[in-house]
Amino acid sequence: MAETTTAQSRVLLVGTFLLASFVLVGCGAQPTSSPAGAPTPTASTTAAEEATAPSPDDGLRGGTLVQQNETLIEDETERRARSAPSGDPVGPKNTKIPRPEEYGFGKAVATAQEREVIAYTPRESGGRLVVPLTIENRGTKRTAYTVEIRVTGGHAAATVTRKVEAPNVFPHTVWPTEADITAVGGGDVDNLKVTLQVTRTPLA
């Protein structure tokens, strides 16, 4: 009687084991490794790879950073210019073109071409006797002037003739110059007689 009970218990255990195996297969249990034996990629591995992968916009971001740096440099330059101490301007304060009488040549002794050309009292300059001149272009075009200066008097009562060229005088400007009349011999400069003859040639 005891042997029969033991045999039945063994059969029951084997049946229970077989039933459990069928249940596991029916539930679809899968192995945790791939057929090739390589581990299946996890979500954390994929995220790390994406984080280290180069982005197509990396180059654009680099250019943007360069532009931002250039802008910062320009802003800093402007800020320094605004905060710099004030001082005198580099250019001249008075940019007005001098009038003929503002050159300080003294008294006019002869004029020509409706006072476009003026000769002033002769004077010594660097050991020479000269006649200062101003040539003012009152026209609307660039003009070339040829001025013939004739001076009579001096110790020898001689006559000296000189020519002065002003080849390119702009409209509404003054060309200051001088003529060397040392050959007249000096003497009382107030008694020297000065005459002018002018040739005026407008330029294209």
C-alpha atoms as a PDB file:
ATOM      1  CA  MET A   1       0.000   0.000   0.000  1.00  0.00           C
ATOM      2  CA  ALA A   2       2.861   2.434   0.777  1.00  0.00           C
ATOM      3  CA  GLU A   3       4.602   1.679  -2.548  1.00  0.00           C
ATOM      4  CA  THR A   4       1.438   2.615  -4.472  1.00  0.00           C
ATOM      5  CA  THR A   5       1.227   5.983  -2.704  1.00  0.00           C
ATOM      6  CA  THR A   6       4.862   6.815  -3.480  1.00  0.00           C
ATOM      7  CA  ALA A   7       4.430   6.072  -7.177  1.00  0.00           C
ATOM      8  CA  GLN A   8       1.367   8.286  -7.361  1.00  0.00           C
ATOM      9  CA  SER A   9       3.272  11.152  -5.730  1.00  0.00           C
ATOM     10  CA  ARG A  10       6.060  10.889  -8.286  1.00  0.00           C
ATOM     11  CA  VAL A  11       3.608  10.983 -11.184  1.00  0.00           C
ATOM     12  CA  LEU A  12       1.943  14.044  -9.688  1.00  0.00           C
ATOM     13  CA  LEU A  13       5.274  15.905  -9.375  1.00  0.00           C
ATOM     14  CA  VAL A  14       6.283  15.160 -12.980  1.00  0.00           C
ATOM     15  CA  GLY A  15       2.895  16.313 -14.206  1.00  0.00           C
ATOM     16  CA  THR A  16       3.127  19.533 -12.258  1.00  0.00           C
ATOM     17  CA  PHE A  17       6.581  20.255 -13.721  1.00  0.00           C
ATOM     18  CA  LEU A  18       5.407  19.590 -17.279  1.00  0.00           C
ATOM     19  CA  LEU A  19       2.369  21.815 -16.767  1.00  0.00           C
ATOM     20  CA  ALA A  20       4.542  24.667 -15.496  1.00  0.00           C
ATOM     21  CA  SER A  21       6.788  24.384 -18.582  1.00  0.00           C
ATOM     22  CA  PHE A  22       3.812  24.573 -20.933  1.00  0.00           C
ATOM     23  CA  VAL A  23       2.521  27.655 -19.074  1.00  0.00           C
ATOM     24  CA  LEU A  24       5.848  29.481 -19.422  1.00  0.00           C
ATOM     25  CA  VAL A  25       6.065  28.747 -23.163  1.00  0.00           C
ATOM     26  CA  GLY A  26       2.487  29.869 -23.666  1.00  0.00           C
ATOM     27  CA  CYS A  27       3.149  33.197 -21.950  1.00  0.00           C
ATOM     28  CA  GLY A  28       5.826  34.067 -24.558  1.00  0.00           C
ATOM     29  CA  ALA A  29       8.906  34.377 -22.369  1.00  0.00           C
ATOM     30  CA  GLN A  30      11.835  35.722 -24.484  1.00  0.00           C
ATOM     31  CA  PRO A  31      15.559  35.401 -23.956  1.00  0.00           C
ATOM     32  CA  THR A  32      17.435  38.444 -22.787  1.00  0.00           C
ATOM     33  CA  SER A  33      20.182  38.227 -25.450  1.00  0.00           C
ATOM     34  CA  SER A  34      20.170  38.578 -29.210  1.00  0.00           C
ATOM     35  CA  PRO A  35      20.790  35.595 -31.468  1.00  0.00           C
ATOM     36  CA  ALA A  36      24.368  36.754 -32.024  1.00  0.00           C
ATOM     37  CA  GLY A  37      24.957  37.038 -28.316  1.00  0.00           C
ATOM     38  CA  ALA A  38      25.307  40.871 -28.365  1.00  0.00           C
ATOM     39  CA  PRO A  39      23.516  42.853 -25.639  1.00  0.00           C
ATOM     40  CA  THR A  40      20.417  44.704 -26.684  1.00  0.00           C
ATOM     41  CA  PRO A  41      20.983  48.535 -26.781  1.00  0.00           C
ATOM     42  CA  THR A  42      19.359  50.285 -23.896  1.00  0.00           C
ATOM     43  CA  ALA A  43      17.666  53.719 -23.862  1.00  0.00           C
ATOM     44  CA  SER A  44      20.583  55.281 -21.919  1.00  0.00           C
ATOM     45  CA  THR A  45      23.155  54.156 -24.540  1.00  0.00           C
ATOM     46  CA  THR A  46      21.111  55.653 -27.395  1.00  0.00           C
ATOM     47  CA  ALA A  47      20.743  59.006 -25.574  1.00  0.00           C
ATOM     48  CA  ALA A  48      24.516  59.230 -24.975  1.00  0.00           C
ATOM     49  CA  GLU A  49      25.239  58.598 -28.638  1.00  0.00           C
ATOM     50  CA  GLU A  50      22.752  61.299 -29.670  1.00  0.00           C
ATOM     51  CA  ALA A  51      24.336  63.775 -27.243  1.00  0.00           C
ATOM     52  CA  THR A  52      27.830  63.254 -28.706  1.00  0.00           C
ATOM     53  CA  ALA A  53      26.747  63.174 -32.373  1.00  0.00           C
ATOM     54  CA  PRO A  54      27.610  66.358 -34.356  1.00  0.00           C
ATOM     55  CA  SER A  55      24.691  68.589 -35.224  1.00  0.00           C
ATOM     56  CA  PRO A  56      24.338  70.100 -38.729  1.00  0.00           C
ATOM     57  CA  ASP A  57      23.830  73.468 -37.042  1.00  0.00           C
ATOM     58  CA  ASP A  58      27.184  73.430 -35.203  1.00  0.00           C
ATOM     59  CA  GLY A  59      28.831  75.447 -37.978  1.00  0.00           C
ATOM     60  CA  LEU A  60      26.034  78.028 -37.911  1.00  0.00           C
ATOM     61  CA  ARG A  61      26.336  78.373 -34.146  1.00  0.00           C
ATOM     62  CA  GLY A  62      30.097  78.959 -34.540  1.00  0.00           C
ATOM     63  CA  GLY A  63      29.473  81.767 -37.061  1.00  0.00           C
ATOM     64  CA  THR A  64      26.928  83.303 -34.728  1.00  0.00           C
ATOM     65  CA  LEU A  65      29.469  83.365 -31.909  1.00  0.00           C
ATOM     66  CA  VAL A  66      31.988  85.162 -34.163  1.00  0.00           C
ATOM     67  CA  GLN A  67      29.388  87.785 -35.064  1.00  0.00           C
ATOM     68  CA  GLN A  68      28.524  88.259 -31.406  1.00  0.00           C
ATOM     69  CA  ASN A  69      32.207  88.784 -30.540  1.00  0.00           C
ATOM     70  CA  GLU A  70      32.592  91.364 -33.330  1.00  0.00           C
ATOM     71  CA  THR A  71      29.508  93.192 -32.074  1.00  0.00           C
ATOM     72  CA  LEU A  72      30.901  93.239 -28.528  1.00  0.00           C
ATOM     73  CA  ILE A  73      34.199  94.699 -29.801  1.00  0.00           C
ATOM     74  CA  GLU A  74      32.370  97.428 -31.753  1.00  0.00           C
ATOM     75  CA  ASP A  75      30.222  98.284 -28.722  1.00  0.00           C
ATOM     76  CA  GLU A  76      33.300  98.508 -26.512  1.00  0.00           C
ATOM     77  CA  THR A  77      35.057 100.784 -29.021  1.00  0.00           C
ATOM     78  CA  GLU A  78      32.060 103.115 -29.131  1.00  0.00           C
ATOM     79  CA  ARG A  79      31.825 103.125 -25.328  1.00  0.00           C
ATOM     80  CA  ARG A  80      35.488 104.120 -25.005  1.00  0.00           C
ATOM     81  CA  ALA A  81      35.034 106.885 -27.573  1.00  0.00           C
ATOM     82  CA  ARG A  82      32.046 108.258 -25.645  1.00  0.00           C
ATOM     83  CA  SER A  83      33.883 108.141 -22.324  1.00  0.00           C
ATOM     84  CA  ALA A  84      37.125 109.654 -23.663  1.00  0.00           C
ATOM     85  CA  PRO A  85      37.993 113.144 -22.379  1.00  0.00           C
ATOM     86  CA  SER A  86      37.024 116.021 -24.640  1.00  0.00           C
ATOM     87  CA  GLY A  87      39.722 117.990 -26.435  1.00  0.00           C
ATOM     88  CA  ASP A  88      40.404 120.340 -29.280  1.00  0.00           C
ATOM     89  CA  PRO A  89      39.375 119.095 -32.734  1.00  0.00           C
ATOM     90  CA  VAL A  90      42.090 117.798 -35.016  1.00  0.00           C
ATOM     91  CA  GLY A  91      41.030 120.000 -37.928  1.00  0.00           C
ATOM     92  CA  PRO A  92      41.318 123.777 -38.033  1.00  0.00           C
ATOM     93  CA  LYS A  93      38.619 125.672 -36.219  1.00  0.00           C
ATOM     94  CA  ASN A  94      38.426 128.321 -38.926  1.00  0.00           C
ATOM     95  CA  THR A  95      37.993 126.808 -42.381  1.00  0.00           C
ATOM     96  CA  LYS A  96      36.893 130.048 -44.080  1.00  0.00           C
ATOM     97  CA  ILE A  97      38.851 130.942 -47.213  1.00  0.00           C
ATOM     98  CA  PRO A  98      40.758 134.186 -46.514  1.00  0.00           C
ATOM     99  CA  ARG A  99      39.839 137.282 -48.461  1.00  0.00           C
ATOM    100  CA  PRO A 100      42.643 139.066 -50.364  1.00  0.00           C
ATOM    101  CA  GLU A 101      42.922 141.771 -47.696  1.00  0.00           C
ATOM    102  CA  GLU A 102      43.282 139.112 -44.982  1.00  0.00           C
ATOM    103  CA  TYR A 103      46.728 137.972 -46.162  1.00  0.00           C
ATOM    104  CA  GLY A 104      48.364 140.971 -44.519  1.00  0.00           C
ATOM    105  CA  PHE A 105      50.160 142.193 -47.643  1.00  0.00           C
ATOM    106  CA  GLY A 106      49.474 145.817 -46.817  1.00  0.00           C
ATOM    107  CA  LYS A 107      48.365 148.598 -49.118  1.00  0.00           C
ATOM    108  CA  ALA A 108      47.152 147.848 -52.662  1.00  0.00           C
ATOM    109  CA  VAL A 109      49.139 149.772 -55.298  1.00  0.00           C
ATOM    110  CA  ALA A 110      47.624 148.331 -58.505  1.00  0.00           C
ATOM    111  CA  THR A 111      44.605 146.250 -59.565  1.00  0.00           C
ATOM    112  CA  ALA A 112      43.427 144.540 -62.752  1.00  0.00           C
ATOM    113  CA  GLN A 113      40.597 142.375 -64.074  1.00  0.00           C
ATOM    114  CA  GLU A 114      38.014 144.188 -61.928  1.00  0.00           C
ATOM    115  CA  ARG A 115      40.140 143.670 -58.801  1.00  0.00           C
ATOM    116  CA  GLU A 116      40.525 139.938 -59.303  1.00  0.00           C
ATOM    117  CA  VAL A 117      44.280 140.631 -59.338  1.00  0.00           C
ATOM    118  CA  ILE A 118      45.785 142.989 -56.760  1.00  0.00           C
ATOM    119  CA  ALA A 119      49.423 144.063 -56.342  1.00  0.00           C
ATOM    120  CA  TYR A 120      50.574 145.401 -52.967  1.00  0.00           C
ATOM    121  CA  THR A 121      53.348 147.738 -51.854  1.00  0.00           C
ATOM    122  CA  PRO A 122      56.750 146.169 -52.682  1.00  0.00           C
ATOM    123  CA  ARG A 123      58.706 144.899 -49.671  1.00  0.00           C
ATOM    124  CA  GLU A 124      61.880 143.097 -48.783  1.00  0.00           C
ATOM    125  CA  SER A 125      61.635 139.337 -48.286  1.00  0.00           C
ATOM    126  CA  GLY A 126      64.711 137.189 -47.603  1.00  0.00           C
ATOM    127  CA  GLY A 127      67.100 139.728 -49.067  1.00  0.00           C
ATOM    128  CA  ARG A 128      64.978 140.258 -52.162  1.00  0.00           C
ATOM    129  CA  LEU A 129      62.575 142.982 -53.249  1.00  0.00           C
ATOM    130  CA  VAL A 130      59.188 141.506 -54.104  1.00  0.00           C
ATOM    131  CA  VAL A 131      55.700 142.617 -55.087  1.00  0.00           C
ATOM    132  CA  PRO A 132      53.033 140.583 -53.221  1.00  0.00           C
ATOM    133  CA  LEU A 133      49.995 139.588 -55.289  1.00  0.00           C
ATOM    134  CA  THR A 134      46.591 138.008 -54.743  1.00  0.00           C
ATOM    135  CA  ILE A 135      44.620 136.419 -57.575  1.00  0.00           C
ATOM    136  CA  GLU A 136      40.954 135.829 -56.797  1.00  0.00           C
ATOM    137  CA  ASN A 137      38.787 133.779 -59.144  1.00  0.00           C
ATOM    138  CA  ARG A 138      35.328 135.325 -58.998  1.00  0.00           C
ATOM    139  CA  GLY A 139      34.019 133.204 -61.854  1.00  0.00           C
ATOM    140  CA  THR A 140      32.298 129.816 -61.869  1.00  0.00           C
ATOM    141  CA  LYS A 141      35.030 127.770 -63.579  1.00  0.00           C
ATOM    142  CA  ARG A 142      38.609 126.893 -62.824  1.00  0.00           C
ATOM    143  CA  THR A 143      40.789 129.524 -64.439  1.00  0.00           C
ATOM    144  CA  ALA A 144      44.429 129.957 -65.407  1.00  0.00           C
ATOM    145  CA  TYR A 145      45.952 133.430 -64.899  1.00  0.00           C
ATOM    146  CA  THR A 146      49.075 134.968 -66.374  1.00  0.00           C
ATOM    147  CA  VAL A 147      50.009 138.258 -64.705  1.00  0.00           C
ATOM    148  CA  GLU A 148      52.644 140.581 -66.110  1.00  0.00           C
ATOM    149  CA  ILE A 149      54.019 142.983 -63.483  1.00  0.00           C
ATOM    150  CA  ARG A 150      55.857 146.071 -64.616  1.00  0.00           C
ATOM    151  CA  VAL A 151      57.731 148.096 -62.005  1.00  0.00           C
ATOM    152  CA  THR A 152      59.428 151.412 -62.719  1.00  0.00           C
ATOM    153  CA  GLY A 153      61.606 153.476 -60.354  1.00  0.00           C
ATOM    154  CA  GLY A 154      64.261 152.699 -57.861  1.00  0.00           C
ATOM    155  CA  HIS A 155      67.790 154.099 -57.769  1.00  0.00           C
ATOM    156  CA  ALA A 156      68.380 153.470 -61.452  1.00  0.00           C
ATOM    157  CA  ALA A 157      64.892 154.544 -62.542  1.00  0.00           C
ATOM    158  CA  ALA A 158      64.754 151.214 -64.307  1.00  0.00           C
ATOM    159  CA  THR A 159      61.771 149.213 -65.488  1.00  0.00           C
ATOM    160  CA  VAL A 160      61.469 145.574 -64.530  1.00  0.00           C
ATOM    161  CA  THR A 161      58.896 143.224 -66.028  1.00  0.00           C
ATOM    162  CA  ARG A 162      58.024 139.880 -64.481  1.00  0.00           C
ATOM    163  CA  LYS A 163      55.399 137.243 -65.236  1.00  0.00           C
ATOM    164  CA  VAL A 164      53.557 135.193 -62.647  1.00  0.00           C
ATOM    165  CA  GLU A 165      51.521 132.083 -63.473  1.00  0.00           C
ATOM    166  CA  ALA A 166      48.530 130.806 -61.537  1.00  0.00           C
ATOM    167  CA  PRO A 167      47.621 127.771 -63.660  1.00  0.00           C
ATOM    168  CA  ASN A 168      44.584 126.386 -61.812  1.00  0.00           C
ATOM    169  CA  VAL A 169      42.592 128.738 -59.563  1.00  0.00           C
ATOM    170  CA  PHE A 170      39.294 127.272 -58.368  1.00  0.00           C
ATOM    171  CA  PRO A 171      36.142 129.419 -58.300  1.00  0.00           C
ATOM    172  CA  HIS A 172      35.818 131.704 -55.257  1.00  0.00           C
ATOM    173  CA  THR A 173      39.340 130.966 -54.032  1.00  0.00           C
ATOM    174  CA  VAL A 174      42.407 133.201 -53.687  1.00  0.00           C
ATOM    175  CA  TRP A 175      45.894 132.386 -54.990  1.00  0.00           C
ATOM    176  CA  PRO A 176      48.573 134.362 -53.084  1.00  0.00           C
ATOM    177  CA  THR A 177      51.952 134.778 -54.774  1.00  0.00           C
ATOM    178  CA  GLU A 178      54.753 137.294 -55.349  1.00  0.00           C
ATOM    179  CA  ALA A 179      57.036 138.642 -58.092  1.00  0.00           C
ATOM    180  CA  ASP A 180      60.762 139.198 -57.589  1.00  0.00           C
ATOM    181  CA  ILE A 181      61.706 142.766 -58.652  1.00  0.00           C
ATOM    182  CA  THR A 182      65.121 142.949 -56.994  1.00  0.00           C
ATOM    183  CA  ALA A 183      66.626 144.158 -60.270  1.00  0.00           C
ATOM    184  CA  VAL A 184      64.817 147.477 -59.905  1.00  0.00           C
ATOM    185  CA  GLY A 185      67.532 148.508 -57.466  1.00  0.00           C
ATOM    186  CA  GLY A 186      65.640 149.333 -54.266  1.00  0.00           C
ATOM    187  CA  GLY A 187      65.106 152.855 -53.059  1.00  0.00           C
ATOM    188  CA  ASP A 188      61.877 154.263 -51.701  1.00  0.00           C
ATOM    189  CA  VAL A 189      59.351 151.514 -52.345  1.00  0.00           C
ATOM    190  CA  ASP A 190      56.469 153.972 -51.994  1.00  0.00           C
ATOM    191  CA  ASN A 191      57.671 155.760 -55.122  1.00  0.00           C
ATOM    192  CA  LEU A 192      57.800 152.619 -57.284  1.00  0.00           C
ATOM    193  CA  LYS A 193      55.198 152.560 -60.023  1.00  0.00           C
ATOM    194  CA  VAL A 194      53.481 149.179 -60.465  1.00  0.00           C
ATOM    195  CA  THR A 195      51.232 148.251 -63.390  1.00  0.00           C
ATOM    196  CA  LEU A 196      49.517 144.953 -64.152  1.00  0.00           C
ATOM    197  CA  GLN A 197      48.416 143.164 -67.289  1.00  0.00           C
ATOM    198  CA  VAL A 198      46.350 140.003 -66.893  1.00  0.00           C
ATOM    199  CA  THR A 199      45.461 137.146 -69.222  1.00  0.00           C
ATOM    200  CA  ARG A 200      42.576 135.058 -67.946  1.00  0.00           C
ATOM    201  CA  THR A 201      41.839 131.599 -69.444  1.00  0.00           C
ATOM    202  CA  PRO A 202      38.833 129.601 -68.136  1.00  0.00           C
ATOM    203  CA  LEU A 203      39.448 125.844 -67.985  1.00  0.00           C
ATOM    204  CA  ALA A 204      37.031 123.104 -68.975  1.00  0.00           C
END
